[in-house]
Amino acid sequence: MRSLGFAIVLSVSGLVVAAPSSADAAVPEYDSAYAGESAFVSTGPGQSREFQVFFMNTGSATWRKGTASQVNLVVCLANKTTCNVESINAAWNDGWLSDRAYAAQTQAEIPTNGIANFTYNIKAPLTISFGIWRFNGDLALAATGQMIHQEGYYQEAMCACDRP
């Protein structure tokens, strides 16, 4: 899936997302569908920025924060299929859940067809120069690290620092 570079406003009551087939689900009773994200960001040395991404719970299990059913937005490599690994952008970590996960779901519970919000911050290193940095991620069950439904989510940060 290709991520879009603009903000998407969600209306939970009016949002319709086609549920993926159960054959796509990697963990029994857990499945998800991408539902939107915040805009890509511009940044400069030492500046913090926030990303948000939204996924719909299309499985039959409720995602409960702080329990074995918690769902995390984990780090993926550029291929977007190798996930739950240490970030190549670790220098940008600004309070992530861990070196392998950006964030847990923000809400206490996400029932079937509910929309989960994942929010995390990045902070540009002081030595940053002109370029674009991509933050790849996907959802995994926190207790086991198993991927739920790989979709290839990403967001980008651009620095026009020291632009020639």
C-alpha atoms as a PDB file:
ATOM      1  CA  MET A   1       0.000   0.000   0.000  1.00  0.00           C
ATOM      2  CA  ARG A   2       1.291   3.472  -0.812  1.00  0.00           C
ATOM      3  CA  SER A   3       0.925   6.094   1.873  1.00  0.00           C
ATOM      4  CA  LEU A   4      -0.529   9.460   0.874  1.00  0.00           C
ATOM      5  CA  GLY A   5       1.179  12.696   1.747  1.00  0.00           C
ATOM      6  CA  PHE A   6      -1.770  14.644   3.062  1.00  0.00           C
ATOM      7  CA  ALA A   7      -3.978  14.680   6.122  1.00  0.00           C
ATOM      8  CA  ILE A   8      -7.082  12.543   6.142  1.00  0.00           C
ATOM      9  CA  VAL A   9      -9.940  13.495   8.411  1.00  0.00           C
ATOM     10  CA  LEU A  10     -11.801  10.520   9.785  1.00  0.00           C
ATOM     11  CA  SER A  11     -15.452  10.351  10.634  1.00  0.00           C
ATOM     12  CA  VAL A  12     -15.797   7.126  12.548  1.00  0.00           C
ATOM     13  CA  SER A  13     -19.541   7.003  11.982  1.00  0.00           C
ATOM     14  CA  GLY A  14     -19.148   7.533   8.233  1.00  0.00           C
ATOM     15  CA  LEU A  15     -15.911   5.701   7.495  1.00  0.00           C
ATOM     16  CA  VAL A  16     -16.191   2.654   5.301  1.00  0.00           C
ATOM     17  CA  VAL A  17     -13.130   0.455   4.915  1.00  0.00           C
ATOM     18  CA  ALA A  18     -13.263  -2.815   3.038  1.00  0.00           C
ATOM     19  CA  ALA A  19     -12.196  -5.574   5.394  1.00  0.00           C
ATOM     20  CA  PRO A  20      -9.398  -7.776   4.086  1.00  0.00           C
ATOM     21  CA  SER A  21     -10.059 -11.455   3.686  1.00  0.00           C
ATOM     22  CA  SER A  22      -9.324 -13.620   6.709  1.00  0.00           C
ATOM     23  CA  ALA A  23      -6.644 -15.345   4.621  1.00  0.00           C
ATOM     24  CA  ASP A  24      -4.603 -12.127   4.931  1.00  0.00           C
ATOM     25  CA  ALA A  25      -4.675 -12.200   8.735  1.00  0.00           C
ATOM     26  CA  ALA A  26      -1.416 -13.471  10.222  1.00  0.00           C
ATOM     27  CA  VAL A  27      -2.700 -13.930  13.790  1.00  0.00           C
ATOM     28  CA  PRO A  28      -6.022 -15.735  14.402  1.00  0.00           C
ATOM     29  CA  GLU A  29      -8.770 -13.293  15.452  1.00  0.00           C
ATOM     30  CA  TYR A  30      -6.537 -10.267  14.661  1.00  0.00           C
ATOM     31  CA  ASP A  31      -6.718  -8.284  11.455  1.00  0.00           C
ATOM     32  CA  SER A  32      -6.506  -4.657  10.415  1.00  0.00           C
ATOM     33  CA  ALA A  33      -7.019  -2.234   7.559  1.00  0.00           C
ATOM     34  CA  TYR A  34      -5.192   1.045   6.997  1.00  0.00           C
ATOM     35  CA  ALA A  35      -7.580   3.970   7.617  1.00  0.00           C
ATOM     36  CA  GLY A  36      -5.505   7.167   7.223  1.00  0.00           C
ATOM     37  CA  GLU A  37      -2.643   9.234   8.566  1.00  0.00           C
ATOM     38  CA  SER A  38      -1.433  12.731   9.352  1.00  0.00           C
ATOM     39  CA  ALA A  39       0.478  14.763   6.795  1.00  0.00           C
ATOM     40  CA  PHE A  40       4.138  14.260   6.046  1.00  0.00           C
ATOM     41  CA  VAL A  41       6.279  16.857   7.840  1.00  0.00           C
ATOM     42  CA  SER A  42       9.077  19.334   7.214  1.00  0.00           C
ATOM     43  CA  THR A  43      11.650  19.694   9.943  1.00  0.00           C
ATOM     44  CA  GLY A  44      15.009  21.110  10.872  1.00  0.00           C
ATOM     45  CA  PRO A  45      17.903  20.243  13.188  1.00  0.00           C
ATOM     46  CA  GLY A  46      16.681  19.473  16.721  1.00  0.00           C
ATOM     47  CA  GLN A  47      12.995  19.977  15.862  1.00  0.00           C
ATOM     48  CA  SER A  48      10.332  17.516  17.026  1.00  0.00           C
ATOM     49  CA  ARG A  49       7.345  16.555  14.899  1.00  0.00           C
ATOM     50  CA  GLU A  50       4.361  14.263  15.475  1.00  0.00           C
ATOM     51  CA  PHE A  51       3.009  11.528  13.232  1.00  0.00           C
ATOM     52  CA  GLN A  52      -0.365   9.825  13.556  1.00  0.00           C
ATOM     53  CA  VAL A  53      -1.686   6.806  11.714  1.00  0.00           C
ATOM     54  CA  PHE A  54      -5.084   5.137  11.952  1.00  0.00           C
ATOM     55  CA  PHE A  55      -5.964   1.479  11.458  1.00  0.00           C
ATOM     56  CA  MET A  56      -9.344  -0.224  11.670  1.00  0.00           C
ATOM     57  CA  ASN A  57      -9.633  -3.388  13.750  1.00  0.00           C
ATOM     58  CA  THR A  58     -11.160  -5.796  11.224  1.00  0.00           C
ATOM     59  CA  GLY A  59     -10.548  -8.912  13.318  1.00  0.00           C
ATOM     60  CA  SER A  60     -12.820 -10.476  15.931  1.00  0.00           C
ATOM     61  CA  ALA A  61     -10.581  -9.777  18.971  1.00  0.00           C
ATOM     62  CA  THR A  62     -10.751  -6.479  20.862  1.00  0.00           C
ATOM     63  CA  TRP A  63      -7.372  -4.732  21.145  1.00  0.00           C
ATOM     64  CA  ARG A  64      -6.841  -3.850  24.839  1.00  0.00           C
ATOM     65  CA  LYS A  65      -3.973  -1.577  25.797  1.00  0.00           C
ATOM     66  CA  GLY A  66      -1.751  -2.926  28.586  1.00  0.00           C
ATOM     67  CA  THR A  67      -2.775  -6.550  28.010  1.00  0.00           C
ATOM     68  CA  ALA A  68      -1.691  -9.452  25.808  1.00  0.00           C
ATOM     69  CA  SER A  69      -4.097  -8.149  23.140  1.00  0.00           C
ATOM     70  CA  GLN A  70      -2.397  -4.734  22.827  1.00  0.00           C
ATOM     71  CA  VAL A  71      -1.406  -3.812  19.274  1.00  0.00           C
ATOM     72  CA  ASN A  72       1.765  -1.843  18.508  1.00  0.00           C
ATOM     73  CA  LEU A  73       2.905   0.137  15.502  1.00  0.00           C
ATOM     74  CA  VAL A  74       6.280  -1.514  14.950  1.00  0.00           C
ATOM     75  CA  VAL A  75       9.310  -0.452  12.924  1.00  0.00           C
ATOM     76  CA  CYS A  76       9.801  -1.989   9.461  1.00  0.00           C
ATOM     77  CA  LEU A  77      12.744  -1.889   7.082  1.00  0.00           C
ATOM     78  CA  ALA A  78      12.512  -0.199   3.670  1.00  0.00           C
ATOM     79  CA  ASN A  79      11.104  -3.383   2.093  1.00  0.00           C
ATOM     80  CA  LYS A  80       8.056  -2.906   4.400  1.00  0.00           C
ATOM     81  CA  THR A  81       7.893  -6.663   5.056  1.00  0.00           C
ATOM     82  CA  THR A  82      10.776  -7.081   7.501  1.00  0.00           C
ATOM     83  CA  CYS A  83       9.263  -5.671  10.673  1.00  0.00           C
ATOM     84  CA  ASN A  84       9.640  -5.568  14.441  1.00  0.00           C
ATOM     85  CA  VAL A  85      13.318  -4.710  13.957  1.00  0.00           C
ATOM     86  CA  GLU A  86      15.538  -1.900  15.227  1.00  0.00           C
ATOM     87  CA  SER A  87      14.965   1.318  13.302  1.00  0.00           C
ATOM     88  CA  ILE A  88      17.531   2.548  10.810  1.00  0.00           C
ATOM     89  CA  ASN A  89      16.319   5.992  11.963  1.00  0.00           C
ATOM     90  CA  ALA A  90      17.021   5.361  15.657  1.00  0.00           C
ATOM     91  CA  ALA A  91      18.677   8.794  15.942  1.00  0.00           C
ATOM     92  CA  TRP A  92      15.198  10.288  15.342  1.00  0.00           C
ATOM     93  CA  ASN A  93      13.625   8.473  18.339  1.00  0.00           C
ATOM     94  CA  ASP A  94      11.692  10.997  20.434  1.00  0.00           C
ATOM     95  CA  GLY A  95       9.975   8.868  23.069  1.00  0.00           C
ATOM     96  CA  TRP A  96       9.071   5.804  20.990  1.00  0.00           C
ATOM     97  CA  LEU A  97       7.710   2.736  22.761  1.00  0.00           C
ATOM     98  CA  SER A  98      11.024   0.934  22.115  1.00  0.00           C
ATOM     99  CA  ASP A  99      13.800   0.608  19.526  1.00  0.00           C
ATOM    100  CA  ARG A 100      11.479  -1.751  17.624  1.00  0.00           C
ATOM    101  CA  ALA A 101       8.096  -0.043  18.069  1.00  0.00           C
ATOM    102  CA  TYR A 102       6.978   3.530  17.558  1.00  0.00           C
ATOM    103  CA  ALA A 103       3.819   3.399  19.673  1.00  0.00           C
ATOM    104  CA  ALA A 104       0.985   1.388  21.146  1.00  0.00           C
ATOM    105  CA  GLN A 105      -2.622   2.159  20.329  1.00  0.00           C
ATOM    106  CA  THR A 106      -3.620   5.336  22.171  1.00  0.00           C
ATOM    107  CA  GLN A 107      -7.110   4.195  23.169  1.00  0.00           C
ATOM    108  CA  ALA A 108      -7.768   1.712  25.995  1.00  0.00           C
ATOM    109  CA  GLU A 109      -9.874  -0.583  23.787  1.00  0.00           C
ATOM    110  CA  ILE A 110     -10.433  -0.965  20.062  1.00  0.00           C
ATOM    111  CA  PRO A 111     -13.410  -3.254  19.329  1.00  0.00           C
ATOM    112  CA  THR A 112     -14.091  -4.871  15.973  1.00  0.00           C
ATOM    113  CA  ASN A 113     -14.619  -2.131  13.330  1.00  0.00           C
ATOM    114  CA  GLY A 114     -13.158   0.470  15.706  1.00  0.00           C
ATOM    115  CA  ILE A 115     -10.443   2.871  14.589  1.00  0.00           C
ATOM    116  CA  ALA A 116      -7.135   2.790  16.475  1.00  0.00           C
ATOM    117  CA  ASN A 117      -4.888   5.838  16.664  1.00  0.00           C
ATOM    118  CA  PHE A 118      -1.110   5.414  16.874  1.00  0.00           C
ATOM    119  CA  THR A 119       0.839   8.601  17.673  1.00  0.00           C
ATOM    120  CA  TYR A 120       4.598   8.977  17.824  1.00  0.00           C
ATOM    121  CA  ASN A 121       7.172  11.753  17.677  1.00  0.00           C
ATOM    122  CA  ILE A 122      10.369  12.163  15.735  1.00  0.00           C
ATOM    123  CA  LYS A 123      13.178  14.595  16.485  1.00  0.00           C
ATOM    124  CA  ALA A 124      15.626  15.532  13.754  1.00  0.00           C
ATOM    125  CA  PRO A 125      19.248  15.009  14.747  1.00  0.00           C
ATOM    126  CA  LEU A 126      21.291  18.203  15.157  1.00  0.00           C
ATOM    127  CA  THR A 127      23.550  17.039  12.326  1.00  0.00           C
ATOM    128  CA  ILE A 128      20.711  16.679   9.811  1.00  0.00           C
ATOM    129  CA  SER A 129      21.194  17.948   6.272  1.00  0.00           C
ATOM    130  CA  PHE A 130      18.981  18.227   3.211  1.00  0.00           C
ATOM    131  CA  GLY A 131      16.985  15.053   2.512  1.00  0.00           C
ATOM    132  CA  ILE A 132      13.896  12.932   3.050  1.00  0.00           C
ATOM    133  CA  TRP A 133      13.639  10.311   5.779  1.00  0.00           C
ATOM    134  CA  ARG A 134      11.042   7.550   5.673  1.00  0.00           C
ATOM    135  CA  PHE A 135       9.538   5.914   8.766  1.00  0.00           C
ATOM    136  CA  ASN A 136       8.167   2.494   7.782  1.00  0.00           C
ATOM    137  CA  GLY A 137       5.833   0.638  10.090  1.00  0.00           C
ATOM    138  CA  ASP A 138       3.062  -1.893  10.504  1.00  0.00           C
ATOM    139  CA  LEU A 139       0.945  -3.493  13.214  1.00  0.00           C
ATOM    140  CA  ALA A 140       2.021  -6.351  15.457  1.00  0.00           C
ATOM    141  CA  LEU A 141       0.569  -8.059  18.490  1.00  0.00           C
ATOM    142  CA  ALA A 142       2.557  -6.620  21.413  1.00  0.00           C
ATOM    143  CA  ALA A 143       2.707  -9.855  23.420  1.00  0.00           C
ATOM    144  CA  THR A 144       4.257 -11.979  20.659  1.00  0.00           C
ATOM    145  CA  GLY A 145       5.553  -9.563  18.023  1.00  0.00           C
ATOM    146  CA  GLN A 146       3.529 -11.379  15.354  1.00  0.00           C
ATOM    147  CA  MET A 147       2.515  -9.209  12.431  1.00  0.00           C
ATOM    148  CA  ILE A 148      -1.231  -8.712  12.131  1.00  0.00           C
ATOM    149  CA  HIS A 149      -1.797  -7.767   8.477  1.00  0.00           C
ATOM    150  CA  GLN A 150       1.148  -6.337   6.618  1.00  0.00           C
ATOM    151  CA  GLU A 151       0.202  -3.336   4.506  1.00  0.00           C
ATOM    152  CA  GLY A 152       3.404  -1.323   4.118  1.00  0.00           C
ATOM    153  CA  TYR A 153       2.598   1.918   5.953  1.00  0.00           C
ATOM    154  CA  TYR A 154       5.091   4.797   5.985  1.00  0.00           C
ATOM    155  CA  GLN A 155       5.393   8.502   6.713  1.00  0.00           C
ATOM    156  CA  GLU A 156       8.116  10.924   5.689  1.00  0.00           C
ATOM    157  CA  ALA A 157      10.030  13.841   7.151  1.00  0.00           C
ATOM    158  CA  MET A 158      11.775  16.299   4.872  1.00  0.00           C
ATOM    159  CA  CYS A 159      14.557  18.671   5.782  1.00  0.00           C
ATOM    160  CA  ALA A 160      15.331  21.614   3.517  1.00  0.00           C
ATOM    161  CA  CYS A 161      18.316  22.308   5.792  1.00  0.00           C
ATOM    162  CA  ASP A 162      21.430  23.671   4.112  1.00  0.00           C
ATOM    163  CA  ARG A 163      19.706  23.317   0.764  1.00  0.00           C
ATOM    164  CA  PRO A 164      22.122  24.103  -2.059  1.00  0.00           C
END
